[in-house]
Amino acid sequence: SHEELHNLVQSSAFVEELAAVFEARGAGPTLPLMELMETRATEEVVGDYQVTGDALRLVGCRAGYLLVNSSLETQQCRRCEALTYSSWPLDGCTRGDRGEAVCENRQCQRCPTQGAS
């Protein structure tokens, strides 16, 4: 479930395992989470994570989702509801002290309505 995956991503054991995968692959600090969790991934995983210190920070989501990462406890790719959209997951975000995107929980854009004919 989404909650189980969220709890796994927050665990220190997972962070250590992920850091070992980065090192083994000679990869930079950011890789799509799905690529690293092929046996654990579900359709709920739609984001990219970055190792920062001893935690994973959500840094990107695909179109149709909004990035919410203002705290580690609440970080998520929030799916837009019916009749709303997000063409850019960082829409409405601000920049943190290190230039990273900081995204509060917010609403997706409303789809335009057709005018009367």
PDB file of N, CA and C in Angstrom:
ATOM      1  N   SER A   1       0.844  -1.187   0.000  1.00  0.00           N
ATOM      2  CA  SER A   1       0.000   0.000   0.000  1.00  0.00           C
ATOM      3  C   SER A   1       0.881   1.240   0.000  1.00  0.00           C
ATOM      4  N   HIS A   2       0.290   2.362  -0.295  1.00  0.00           N
ATOM      5  CA  HIS A   2       1.018   3.626  -0.336  1.00  0.00           C
ATOM      6  C   HIS A   2       1.636   3.938   1.032  1.00  0.00           C
ATOM      7  N   GLU A   3       0.891   3.699   2.108  1.00  0.00           N
ATOM      8  CA  GLU A   3       1.395   3.985   3.460  1.00  0.00           C
ATOM      9  C   GLU A   3       2.590   3.095   3.798  1.00  0.00           C
ATOM     10  N   GLU A   4       2.516   1.817   3.425  1.00  0.00           N
ATOM     11  CA  GLU A   4       3.629   0.907   3.683  1.00  0.00           C
ATOM     12  C   GLU A   4       4.875   1.347   2.928  1.00  0.00           C
ATOM     13  N   LEU A   5       4.705   1.755   1.679  1.00  0.00           N
ATOM     14  CA  LEU A   5       5.828   2.223   0.888  1.00  0.00           C
ATOM     15  C   LEU A   5       6.408   3.494   1.495  1.00  0.00           C
ATOM     16  N   HIS A   6       5.546   4.397   1.913  1.00  0.00           N
ATOM     17  CA  HIS A   6       5.992   5.646   2.540  1.00  0.00           C
ATOM     18  C   HIS A   6       6.823   5.326   3.785  1.00  0.00           C
ATOM     19  N   ASN A   7       6.345   4.402   4.627  1.00  0.00           N
ATOM     20  CA  ASN A   7       7.077   4.030   5.838  1.00  0.00           C
ATOM     21  C   ASN A   7       8.413   3.387   5.510  1.00  0.00           C
ATOM     22  N   LEU A   8       8.448   2.557   4.469  1.00  0.00           N
ATOM     23  CA  LEU A   8       9.696   1.934   4.045  1.00  0.00           C
ATOM     24  C   LEU A   8      10.709   2.988   3.633  1.00  0.00           C
ATOM     25  N   VAL A   9      10.282   3.944   2.843  1.00  0.00           N
ATOM     26  CA  VAL A   9      11.174   4.981   2.341  1.00  0.00           C
ATOM     27  C   VAL A   9      11.732   5.817   3.489  1.00  0.00           C
ATOM     28  N   GLN A  10      10.994   5.954   4.574  1.00  0.00           N
ATOM     29  CA  GLN A  10      11.440   6.748   5.710  1.00  0.00           C
ATOM     30  C   GLN A  10      12.391   5.986   6.631  1.00  0.00           C
ATOM     31  N   SER A  11      12.531   4.676   6.478  1.00  0.00           N
ATOM     32  CA  SER A  11      13.346   3.873   7.393  1.00  0.00           C
ATOM     33  C   SER A  11      14.834   4.075   7.125  1.00  0.00           C
ATOM     34  N   SER A  12      15.629   4.035   8.197  1.00  0.00           N
ATOM     35  CA  SER A  12      17.075   4.212   8.052  1.00  0.00           C
ATOM     36  C   SER A  12      17.697   3.033   7.311  1.00  0.00           C
ATOM     37  N   ALA A  13      17.137   1.833   7.473  1.00  0.00           N
ATOM     38  CA  ALA A  13      17.665   0.666   6.759  1.00  0.00           C
ATOM     39  C   ALA A  13      17.529   0.847   5.253  1.00  0.00           C
ATOM     40  N   PHE A  14      16.402   1.396   4.813  1.00  0.00           N
ATOM     41  CA  PHE A  14      16.201   1.623   3.386  1.00  0.00           C
ATOM     42  C   PHE A  14      17.185   2.669   2.865  1.00  0.00           C
ATOM     43  N   VAL A  15      17.398   3.734   3.639  1.00  0.00           N
ATOM     44  CA  VAL A  15      18.343   4.778   3.222  1.00  0.00           C
ATOM     45  C   VAL A  15      19.737   4.180   3.056  1.00  0.00           C
ATOM     46  N   GLU A  16      20.156   3.314   3.990  1.00  0.00           N
ATOM     47  CA  GLU A  16      21.461   2.672   3.889  1.00  0.00           C
ATOM     48  C   GLU A  16      21.535   1.772   2.658  1.00  0.00           C
ATOM     49  N   GLU A  17      20.467   1.010   2.413  1.00  0.00           N
ATOM     50  CA  GLU A  17      20.423   0.134   1.244  1.00  0.00           C
ATOM     51  C   GLU A  17      20.480   0.949  -0.047  1.00  0.00           C
ATOM     52  N   LEU A  18      19.752   2.033  -0.087  1.00  0.00           N
ATOM     53  CA  LEU A  18      19.732   2.881  -1.267  1.00  0.00           C
ATOM     54  C   LEU A  18      21.101   3.518  -1.508  1.00  0.00           C
ATOM     55  N   ALA A  19      21.747   3.970  -0.445  1.00  0.00           N
ATOM     56  CA  ALA A  19      23.086   4.554  -0.582  1.00  0.00           C
ATOM     57  C   ALA A  19      24.063   3.520  -1.142  1.00  0.00           C
ATOM     58  N   ALA A  20      23.936   2.258  -0.715  1.00  0.00           N
ATOM     59  CA  ALA A  20      24.797   1.197  -1.237  1.00  0.00           C
ATOM     60  C   ALA A  20      24.544   0.971  -2.725  1.00  0.00           C
ATOM     61  N   VAL A  21      23.283   1.045  -3.139  1.00  0.00           N
ATOM     62  CA  VAL A  21      22.949   0.898  -4.561  1.00  0.00           C
ATOM     63  C   VAL A  21      23.559   2.040  -5.363  1.00  0.00           C
ATOM     64  N   PHE A  22      23.445   3.288  -4.855  1.00  0.00           N
ATOM     65  CA  PHE A  22      24.063   4.429  -5.542  1.00  0.00           C
ATOM     66  C   PHE A  22      25.550   4.184  -5.727  1.00  0.00           C
ATOM     67  N   GLU A  23      26.216   3.788  -4.650  1.00  0.00           N
ATOM     68  CA  GLU A  23      27.655   3.578  -4.696  1.00  0.00           C
ATOM     69  C   GLU A  23      28.016   2.457  -5.666  1.00  0.00           C
ATOM     70  N   ALA A  24      27.281   1.353  -5.623  1.00  0.00           N
ATOM     71  CA  ALA A  24      27.564   0.211  -6.508  1.00  0.00           C
ATOM     72  C   ALA A  24      27.389   0.574  -7.978  1.00  0.00           C
ATOM     73  N   ARG A  25      26.419   1.427  -8.267  1.00  0.00           N
ATOM     74  CA  ARG A  25      26.166   1.819  -9.660  1.00  0.00           C
ATOM     75  C   ARG A  25      27.007   3.000 -10.096  1.00  0.00           C
ATOM     76  N   GLY A  26      27.741   3.597  -9.158  1.00  0.00           N
ATOM     77  CA  GLY A  26      28.531   4.769  -9.489  1.00  0.00           C
ATOM     78  C   GLY A  26      27.662   5.933  -9.904  1.00  0.00           C
ATOM     79  N   ALA A  27      26.441   5.968  -9.364  1.00  0.00           N
ATOM     80  CA  ALA A  27      25.457   6.965  -9.775  1.00  0.00           C
ATOM     81  C   ALA A  27      25.608   8.252  -8.974  1.00  0.00           C
ATOM     82  N   GLY A  28      25.053   9.309  -9.528  1.00  0.00           N
ATOM     83  CA  GLY A  28      24.965  10.574  -8.819  1.00  0.00           C
ATOM     84  C   GLY A  28      23.946  10.476  -7.702  1.00  0.00           C
ATOM     85  N   PRO A  29      23.650  11.579  -7.045  1.00  0.00           N
ATOM     86  CA  PRO A  29      22.771  11.536  -5.882  1.00  0.00           C
ATOM     87  C   PRO A  29      21.295  11.339  -6.192  1.00  0.00           C
ATOM     88  N   THR A  30      20.855  11.440  -7.446  1.00  0.00           N
ATOM     89  CA  THR A  30      19.436  11.297  -7.749  1.00  0.00           C
ATOM     90  C   THR A  30      19.219  10.244  -8.818  1.00  0.00           C
ATOM     91  N   LEU A  31      18.342   9.303  -8.540  1.00  0.00           N
ATOM     92  CA  LEU A  31      17.914   8.299  -9.507  1.00  0.00           C
ATOM     93  C   LEU A  31      16.427   8.072  -9.293  1.00  0.00           C
ATOM     94  N   PRO A  32      15.695   7.703 -10.328  1.00  0.00           N
ATOM     95  CA  PRO A  32      14.284   7.388 -10.108  1.00  0.00           C
ATOM     96  C   PRO A  32      14.140   6.245  -9.108  1.00  0.00           C
ATOM     97  N   LEU A  33      13.270   6.410  -8.148  1.00  0.00           N
ATOM     98  CA  LEU A  33      13.073   5.399  -7.119  1.00  0.00           C
ATOM     99  C   LEU A  33      12.635   4.079  -7.727  1.00  0.00           C
ATOM    100  N   MET A  34      11.790   4.113  -8.739  1.00  0.00           N
ATOM    101  CA  MET A  34      11.298   2.865  -9.332  1.00  0.00           C
ATOM    102  C   MET A  34      12.444   2.030  -9.891  1.00  0.00           C
ATOM    103  N   GLU A  35      13.451   2.680 -10.460  1.00  0.00           N
ATOM    104  CA  GLU A  35      14.587   1.956 -11.018  1.00  0.00           C
ATOM    105  C   GLU A  35      15.336   1.201  -9.928  1.00  0.00           C
ATOM    106  N   LEU A  36      15.356   1.745  -8.707  1.00  0.00           N
ATOM    107  CA  LEU A  36      16.101   1.138  -7.616  1.00  0.00           C
ATOM    108  C   LEU A  36      15.283   0.136  -6.819  1.00  0.00           C
ATOM    109  N   MET A  37      13.989   0.125  -7.007  1.00  0.00           N
ATOM    110  CA  MET A  37      13.105  -0.725  -6.206  1.00  0.00           C
ATOM    111  C   MET A  37      12.259  -1.620  -7.089  1.00  0.00           C
ATOM    112  N   GLU A  38      12.833  -2.208  -8.107  1.00  0.00           N
ATOM    113  CA  GLU A  38      12.051  -2.966  -9.080  1.00  0.00           C
ATOM    114  C   GLU A  38      11.165  -4.019  -8.414  1.00  0.00           C
ATOM    115  N   THR A  39      11.630  -4.656  -7.375  1.00  0.00           N
ATOM    116  CA  THR A  39      10.823  -5.699  -6.742  1.00  0.00           C
ATOM    117  C   THR A  39       9.845  -5.143  -5.721  1.00  0.00           C
ATOM    118  N   ARG A  40       9.996  -3.883  -5.337  1.00  0.00           N
ATOM    119  CA  ARG A  40       9.120  -3.293  -4.333  1.00  0.00           C
ATOM    120  C   ARG A  40       8.152  -2.277  -4.918  1.00  0.00           C
ATOM    121  N   ALA A  41       8.369  -1.864  -6.148  1.00  0.00           N
ATOM    122  CA  ALA A  41       7.604  -0.755  -6.721  1.00  0.00           C
ATOM    123  C   ALA A  41       6.138  -1.128  -6.921  1.00  0.00           C
ATOM    124  N   THR A  42       5.290  -0.113  -6.769  1.00  0.00           N
ATOM    125  CA  THR A  42       3.868  -0.245  -7.069  1.00  0.00           C
ATOM    126  C   THR A  42       3.484   0.914  -7.958  1.00  0.00           C
ATOM    127  N   GLU A  43       2.250   0.898  -8.455  1.00  0.00           N
ATOM    128  CA  GLU A  43       1.798   2.001  -9.291  1.00  0.00           C
ATOM    129  C   GLU A  43       1.727   3.315  -8.519  1.00  0.00           C
ATOM    130  N   GLU A  44       1.802   3.258  -7.185  1.00  0.00           N
ATOM    131  CA  GLU A  44       1.770   4.465  -6.359  1.00  0.00           C
ATOM    132  C   GLU A  44       3.082   5.239  -6.412  1.00  0.00           C
ATOM    133  N   VAL A  45       4.184   4.571  -6.786  1.00  0.00           N
ATOM    134  CA  VAL A  45       5.484   5.222  -6.797  1.00  0.00           C
ATOM    135  C   VAL A  45       5.630   5.996  -8.097  1.00  0.00           C
ATOM    136  N   VAL A  46       5.604   7.291  -8.000  1.00  0.00           N
ATOM    137  CA  VAL A  46       5.651   8.122  -9.200  1.00  0.00           C
ATOM    138  C   VAL A  46       6.697   9.227  -9.080  1.00  0.00           C
ATOM    139  N   GLY A  47       7.554   9.148  -8.077  1.00  0.00           N
ATOM    140  CA  GLY A  47       8.478  10.242  -7.827  1.00  0.00           C
ATOM    141  C   GLY A  47       9.936   9.850  -7.887  1.00  0.00           C
ATOM    142  N   ASP A  48      10.771  10.883  -7.882  1.00  0.00           N
ATOM    143  CA  ASP A  48      12.216  10.739  -7.812  1.00  0.00           C
ATOM    144  C   ASP A  48      12.663  11.210  -6.441  1.00  0.00           C
ATOM    145  N   TYR A  49      13.550  10.447  -5.820  1.00  0.00           N
ATOM    146  CA  TYR A  49      14.050  10.778  -4.491  1.00  0.00           C
ATOM    147  C   TYR A  49      15.530  11.097  -4.555  1.00  0.00           C
ATOM    148  N   GLN A  50      15.997  11.884  -3.602  1.00  0.00           N
ATOM    149  CA  GLN A  50      17.403  12.243  -3.498  1.00  0.00           C
ATOM    150  C   GLN A  50      17.842  11.981  -2.063  1.00  0.00           C
ATOM    151  N   VAL A  51      19.014  11.376  -1.896  1.00  0.00           N
ATOM    152  CA  VAL A  51      19.561  11.164  -0.559  1.00  0.00           C
ATOM    153  C   VAL A  51      20.113  12.488  -0.062  1.00  0.00           C
ATOM    154  N   THR A  52      19.620  12.926   1.105  1.00  0.00           N
ATOM    155  CA  THR A  52      20.121  14.144   1.745  1.00  0.00           C
ATOM    156  C   THR A  52      20.404  13.816   3.197  1.00  0.00           C
ATOM    157  N   GLY A  53      21.675  13.770   3.554  1.00  0.00           N
ATOM    158  CA  GLY A  53      22.045  13.390   4.914  1.00  0.00           C
ATOM    159  C   GLY A  53      21.651  11.953   5.167  1.00  0.00           C
ATOM    160  N   ASP A  54      20.795  11.748   6.172  1.00  0.00           N
ATOM    161  CA  ASP A  54      20.367  10.387   6.506  1.00  0.00           C
ATOM    162  C   ASP A  54      18.918  10.139   6.115  1.00  0.00           C
ATOM    163  N   ALA A  55      18.408  10.886   5.152  1.00  0.00           N
ATOM    164  CA  ALA A  55      17.006  10.724   4.747  1.00  0.00           C
ATOM    165  C   ALA A  55      16.887  10.809   3.233  1.00  0.00           C
ATOM    166  N   LEU A  56      15.727  10.406   2.739  1.00  0.00           N
ATOM    167  CA  LEU A  56      15.401  10.557   1.322  1.00  0.00           C
ATOM    168  C   LEU A  56      14.420  11.707   1.182  1.00  0.00           C
ATOM    169  N   ARG A  57      14.717  12.625   0.279  1.00  0.00           N
ATOM    170  CA  ARG A  57      13.813  13.740   0.029  1.00  0.00           C
ATOM    171  C   ARG A  57      13.232  13.574  -1.358  1.00  0.00           C
ATOM    172  N   LEU A  58      11.921  13.689  -1.441  1.00  0.00           N
ATOM    173  CA  LEU A  58      11.219  13.637  -2.721  1.00  0.00           C
ATOM    174  C   LEU A  58      11.538  14.917  -3.482  1.00  0.00           C
ATOM    175  N   VAL A  59      12.043  14.777  -4.713  1.00  0.00           N
ATOM    176  CA  VAL A  59      12.464  15.949  -5.476  1.00  0.00           C
ATOM    177  C   VAL A  59      11.748  16.105  -6.813  1.00  0.00           C
ATOM    178  N   GLY A  60      10.941  15.113  -7.220  1.00  0.00           N
ATOM    179  CA  GLY A  60      10.254  15.239  -8.492  1.00  0.00           C
ATOM    180  C   GLY A  60       9.096  14.265  -8.616  1.00  0.00           C
ATOM    181  N   CYS A  61       8.094  14.665  -9.394  1.00  0.00           N
ATOM    182  CA  CYS A  61       6.918  13.829  -9.676  1.00  0.00           C
ATOM    183  C   CYS A  61       6.591  13.960 -11.158  1.00  0.00           C
ATOM    184  N   ARG A  62       5.850  13.008 -11.681  1.00  0.00           N
ATOM    185  CA  ARG A  62       5.462  13.087 -13.088  1.00  0.00           C
ATOM    186  C   ARG A  62       4.244  14.002 -13.241  1.00  0.00           C
ATOM    187  N   ALA A  63       3.966  14.354 -14.488  1.00  0.00           N
ATOM    188  CA  ALA A  63       2.805  15.212 -14.786  1.00  0.00           C
ATOM    189  C   ALA A  63       1.539  14.540 -14.271  1.00  0.00           C
ATOM    190  N   GLY A  64       0.601  15.347 -13.799  1.00  0.00           N
ATOM    191  CA  GLY A  64      -0.636  14.823 -13.234  1.00  0.00           C
ATOM    192  C   GLY A  64      -0.577  14.698 -11.722  1.00  0.00           C
ATOM    193  N   TYR A  65       0.597  15.009 -11.157  1.00  0.00           N
ATOM    194  CA  TYR A  65       0.828  14.958  -9.716  1.00  0.00           C
ATOM    195  C   TYR A  65       1.466  16.274  -9.276  1.00  0.00           C
ATOM    196  N   LEU A  66       1.260  16.624  -8.024  1.00  0.00           N
ATOM    197  CA  LEU A  66       1.951  17.756  -7.432  1.00  0.00           C
ATOM    198  C   LEU A  66       2.959  17.244  -6.421  1.00  0.00           C
ATOM    199  N   LEU A  67       4.157  17.795  -6.457  1.00  0.00           N
ATOM    200  CA  LEU A  67       5.185  17.467  -5.478  1.00  0.00           C
ATOM    201  C   LEU A  67       4.854  18.165  -4.169  1.00  0.00           C
ATOM    202  N   VAL A  68       4.832  17.418  -3.078  1.00  0.00           N
ATOM    203  CA  VAL A  68       4.655  17.967  -1.731  1.00  0.00           C
ATOM    204  C   VAL A  68       5.837  17.438  -0.929  1.00  0.00           C
ATOM    205  N   ASN A  69       6.759  18.341  -0.533  1.00  0.00           N
ATOM    206  CA  ASN A  69       7.958  17.891   0.175  1.00  0.00           C
ATOM    207  C   ASN A  69       8.423  18.867   1.250  1.00  0.00           C
ATOM    208  N   SER A  70       7.504  19.646   1.810  1.00  0.00           N
ATOM    209  CA  SER A  70       7.896  20.633   2.815  1.00  0.00           C
ATOM    210  C   SER A  70       8.353  19.982   4.116  1.00  0.00           C
ATOM    211  N   SER A  71       8.010  18.705   4.333  1.00  0.00           N
ATOM    212  CA  SER A  71       8.550  17.948   5.466  1.00  0.00           C
ATOM    213  C   SER A  71       8.740  16.498   5.036  1.00  0.00           C
ATOM    214  N   LEU A  72       9.690  15.818   5.663  1.00  0.00           N
ATOM    215  CA  LEU A  72       9.935  14.416   5.331  1.00  0.00           C
ATOM    216  C   LEU A  72       8.736  13.544   5.660  1.00  0.00           C
ATOM    217  N   GLU A  73       8.006  13.903   6.708  1.00  0.00           N
ATOM    218  CA  GLU A  73       6.864  13.103   7.146  1.00  0.00           C
ATOM    219  C   GLU A  73       5.694  13.155   6.169  1.00  0.00           C
ATOM    220  N   THR A  74       5.533  14.253   5.467  1.00  0.00           N
ATOM    221  CA  THR A  74       4.364  14.421   4.594  1.00  0.00           C
ATOM    222  C   THR A  74       4.699  14.416   3.110  1.00  0.00           C
ATOM    223  N   GLN A  75       5.961  14.151   2.752  1.00  0.00           N
ATOM    224  CA  GLN A  75       6.330  14.219   1.338  1.00  0.00           C
ATOM    225  C   GLN A  75       5.579  13.169   0.530  1.00  0.00           C
ATOM    226  N   GLN A  76       5.121  13.606  -0.642  1.00  0.00           N
ATOM    227  CA  GLN A  76       4.351  12.716  -1.511  1.00  0.00           C
ATOM    228  C   GLN A  76       4.210  13.342  -2.894  1.00  0.00           C
ATOM    229  N   CYS A  77       3.886  12.508  -3.856  1.00  0.00           N
ATOM    230  CA  CYS A  77       3.414  12.974  -5.154  1.00  0.00           C
ATOM    231  C   CYS A  77       1.897  12.857  -5.066  1.00  0.00           C
ATOM    232  N   ARG A  78       1.230  13.990  -4.977  1.00  0.00           N
ATOM    233  CA  ARG A  78      -0.219  13.994  -4.779  1.00  0.00           C
ATOM    234  C   ARG A  78      -0.908  14.045  -6.130  1.00  0.00           C
ATOM    235  N   ARG A  79      -1.708  13.014  -6.408  1.00  0.00           N
ATOM    236  CA  ARG A  79      -2.420  12.910  -7.678  1.00  0.00           C
ATOM    237  C   ARG A  79      -3.497  13.988  -7.750  1.00  0.00           C
ATOM    238  N   CYS A  80      -3.609  14.615  -8.901  1.00  0.00           N
ATOM    239  CA  CYS A  80      -4.663  15.607  -9.107  1.00  0.00           C
ATOM    240  C   CYS A  80      -6.016  14.910  -9.212  1.00  0.00           C
ATOM    241  N   GLU A  81      -7.021  15.522  -8.635  1.00  0.00           N
ATOM    242  CA  GLU A  81      -8.372  14.963  -8.657  1.00  0.00           C
ATOM    243  C   GLU A  81      -9.019  15.195 -10.019  1.00  0.00           C
ATOM    244  N   ALA A  82     -10.169  14.580 -10.223  1.00  0.00           N
ATOM    245  CA  ALA A  82     -10.924  14.753 -11.466  1.00  0.00           C
ATOM    246  C   ALA A  82     -11.179  16.235 -11.715  1.00  0.00           C
ATOM    247  N   LEU A  83     -11.122  16.637 -12.956  1.00  0.00           N
ATOM    248  CA  LEU A  83     -11.350  18.009 -13.421  1.00  0.00           C
ATOM    249  C   LEU A  83     -10.284  18.990 -12.950  1.00  0.00           C
ATOM    250  N   THR A  84      -9.117  18.457 -12.538  1.00  0.00           N
ATOM    251  CA  THR A  84      -7.965  19.296 -12.209  1.00  0.00           C
ATOM    252  C   THR A  84      -6.744  18.709 -12.911  1.00  0.00           C
ATOM    253  N   TYR A  85      -5.659  19.488 -12.974  1.00  0.00           N
ATOM    254  CA  TYR A  85      -4.458  19.006 -13.646  1.00  0.00           C
ATOM    255  C   TYR A  85      -3.214  19.669 -13.074  1.00  0.00           C
ATOM    256  N   SER A  86      -2.089  19.071 -13.365  1.00  0.00           N
ATOM    257  CA  SER A  86      -0.783  19.643 -13.075  1.00  0.00           C
ATOM    258  C   SER A  86       0.122  19.282 -14.240  1.00  0.00           C
ATOM    259  N   SER A  87       0.549  20.277 -14.992  1.00  0.00           N
ATOM    260  CA  SER A  87       1.467  20.003 -16.091  1.00  0.00           C
ATOM    261  C   SER A  87       2.917  20.082 -15.620  1.00  0.00           C
ATOM    262  N   TRP A  88       3.146  20.696 -14.448  1.00  0.00           N
ATOM    263  CA  TRP A  88       4.484  20.815 -13.881  1.00  0.00           C
ATOM    264  C   TRP A  88       4.387  20.607 -12.385  1.00  0.00           C
ATOM    265  N   PRO A  89       4.933  19.538 -11.840  1.00  0.00           N
ATOM    266  CA  PRO A  89       4.779  19.200 -10.423  1.00  0.00           C
ATOM    267  C   PRO A  89       5.331  20.243  -9.455  1.00  0.00           C
ATOM    268  N   LEU A  90       6.205  21.143  -9.923  1.00  0.00           N
ATOM    269  CA  LEU A  90       6.792  22.162  -9.045  1.00  0.00           C
ATOM    270  C   LEU A  90       6.014  23.478  -9.084  1.00  0.00           C
ATOM    271  N   ASP A  91       4.898  23.498  -9.788  1.00  0.00           N
ATOM    272  CA  ASP A  91       4.079  24.702  -9.873  1.00  0.00           C
ATOM    273  C   ASP A  91       3.677  25.163  -8.473  1.00  0.00           C
ATOM    274  N   GLY A  92       3.965  26.410  -8.142  1.00  0.00           N
ATOM    275  CA  GLY A  92       3.604  26.958  -6.841  1.00  0.00           C
ATOM    276  C   GLY A  92       4.622  26.703  -5.744  1.00  0.00           C
ATOM    277  N   CYS A  93       5.771  26.118  -6.060  1.00  0.00           N
ATOM    278  CA  CYS A  93       6.799  25.841  -5.053  1.00  0.00           C
ATOM    279  C   CYS A  93       7.702  27.059  -4.868  1.00  0.00           C
ATOM    280  N   THR A  94       8.445  27.076  -3.786  1.00  0.00           N
ATOM    281  CA  THR A  94       9.431  28.122  -3.520  1.00  0.00           C
ATOM    282  C   THR A  94      10.814  27.479  -3.506  1.00  0.00           C
ATOM    283  N   ARG A  95      11.848  28.277  -3.378  1.00  0.00           N
ATOM    284  CA  ARG A  95      13.226  27.768  -3.314  1.00  0.00           C
ATOM    285  C   ARG A  95      13.713  27.828  -1.862  1.00  0.00           C
ATOM    286  N   GLY A  96      14.351  26.744  -1.416  1.00  0.00           N
ATOM    287  CA  GLY A  96      14.925  26.679  -0.082  1.00  0.00           C
ATOM    288  C   GLY A  96      16.287  27.354  -0.036  1.00  0.00           C
ATOM    289  N   ASP A  97      16.940  27.288   1.119  1.00  0.00           N
ATOM    290  CA  ASP A  97      18.243  27.929   1.333  1.00  0.00           C
ATOM    291  C   ASP A  97      19.326  27.418   0.398  1.00  0.00           C
ATOM    292  N   ARG A  98      19.241  26.140   0.017  1.00  0.00           N
ATOM    293  CA  ARG A  98      20.248  25.544  -0.873  1.00  0.00           C
ATOM    294  C   ARG A  98      19.792  25.513  -2.325  1.00  0.00           C
ATOM    295  N   GLY A  99      18.709  26.233  -2.641  1.00  0.00           N
ATOM    296  CA  GLY A  99      18.211  26.282  -4.012  1.00  0.00           C
ATOM    297  C   GLY A  99      17.269  25.157  -4.372  1.00  0.00           C
ATOM    298  N   GLU A 100      16.960  24.273  -3.419  1.00  0.00           N
ATOM    299  CA  GLU A 100      16.074  23.137  -3.687  1.00  0.00           C
ATOM    300  C   GLU A 100      14.616  23.600  -3.684  1.00  0.00           C
ATOM    301  N   ALA A 101      13.792  22.883  -4.415  1.00  0.00           N
ATOM    302  CA  ALA A 101      12.354  23.184  -4.449  1.00  0.00           C
ATOM    303  C   ALA A 101      11.728  22.751  -3.124  1.00  0.00           C
ATOM    304  N   VAL A 102      10.961  23.650  -2.518  1.00  0.00           N
ATOM    305  CA  VAL A 102      10.210  23.357  -1.299  1.00  0.00           C
ATOM    306  C   VAL A 102       8.742  23.559  -1.652  1.00  0.00           C
ATOM    307  N   CYS A 103       7.970  22.481  -1.556  1.00  0.00           N
ATOM    308  CA  CYS A 103       6.598  22.498  -2.036  1.00  0.00           C
ATOM    309  C   CYS A 103       5.617  22.154  -0.925  1.00  0.00           C
ATOM    310  N   GLU A 104       4.782  23.114  -0.577  1.00  0.00           N
ATOM    311  CA  GLU A 104       3.720  22.910   0.406  1.00  0.00           C
ATOM    312  C   GLU A 104       2.585  22.133  -0.254  1.00  0.00           C
ATOM    313  N   ASN A 105       1.671  21.609   0.562  1.00  0.00           N
ATOM    314  CA  ASN A 105       0.468  20.977   0.031  1.00  0.00           C
ATOM    315  C   ASN A 105      -0.393  22.072  -0.604  1.00  0.00           C
ATOM    316  N   ARG A 106      -0.849  21.856  -1.811  1.00  0.00           N
ATOM    317  CA  ARG A 106      -1.627  22.867  -2.525  1.00  0.00           C
ATOM    318  C   ARG A 106      -2.568  22.177  -3.497  1.00  0.00           C
ATOM    319  N   GLN A 107      -3.421  22.939  -4.117  1.00  0.00           N
ATOM    320  CA  GLN A 107      -4.424  22.403  -5.029  1.00  0.00           C
ATOM    321  C   GLN A 107      -3.886  22.376  -6.457  1.00  0.00           C
ATOM    322  N   CYS A 108      -4.332  21.394  -7.219  1.00  0.00           N
ATOM    323  CA  CYS A 108      -4.034  21.347  -8.655  1.00  0.00           C
ATOM    324  C   CYS A 108      -4.849  22.432  -9.359  1.00  0.00           C
ATOM    325  N   GLN A 109      -4.461  22.741 -10.582  1.00  0.00           N
ATOM    326  CA  GLN A 109      -5.183  23.731 -11.388  1.00  0.00           C
ATOM    327  C   GLN A 109      -6.539  23.165 -11.803  1.00  0.00           C
ATOM    328  N   ARG A 110      -7.555  23.997 -11.813  1.00  0.00           N
ATOM    329  CA  ARG A 110      -8.875  23.581 -12.314  1.00  0.00           C
ATOM    330  C   ARG A 110      -8.830  23.554 -13.832  1.00  0.00           C
ATOM    331  N   CYS A 111      -9.436  22.529 -14.413  1.00  0.00           N
ATOM    332  CA  CYS A 111      -9.553  22.460 -15.870  1.00  0.00           C
ATOM    333  C   CYS A 111     -10.478  23.577 -16.341  1.00  0.00           C
ATOM    334  N   PRO A 112     -10.157  24.178 -17.487  1.00  0.00           N
ATOM    335  CA  PRO A 112     -11.051  25.214 -17.999  1.00  0.00           C
ATOM    336  C   PRO A 112     -12.393  24.610 -18.388  1.00  0.00           C
ATOM    337  N   THR A 113     -13.439  25.374 -18.208  1.00  0.00           N
ATOM    338  CA  THR A 113     -14.781  24.920 -18.610  1.00  0.00           C
ATOM    339  C   THR A 113     -15.068  25.464 -19.978  1.00  0.00           C
ATOM    340  N   GLN A 114     -15.852  24.703 -20.747  1.00  0.00           N
ATOM    341  CA  GLN A 114     -16.218  25.166 -22.089  1.00  0.00           C
ATOM    342  C   GLN A 114     -17.308  26.212 -21.963  1.00  0.00           C
ATOM    343  N   GLY A 115     -17.213  27.250 -22.789  1.00  0.00           N
ATOM    344  CA  GLY A 115     -18.232  28.298 -22.797  1.00  0.00           C
ATOM    345  C   GLY A 115     -19.506  27.810 -23.473  1.00  0.00           C
ATOM    346  N   ALA A 116     -20.591  28.496 -23.184  1.00  0.00           N
ATOM    347  CA  ALA A 116     -21.897  28.144 -23.802  1.00  0.00           C
ATOM    348  C   ALA A 116     -21.829  28.426 -25.293  1.00  0.00           C
ATOM    349  N   SER A 117     -22.402  27.587 -26.118  1.00  0.00           N
ATOM    350  CA  SER A 117     -22.400  27.781 -27.567  1.00  0.00           C
ATOM    351  C   SER A 117     -23.569  28.598 -28.008  1.00  0.00           C
TER     352      SER A 117
END
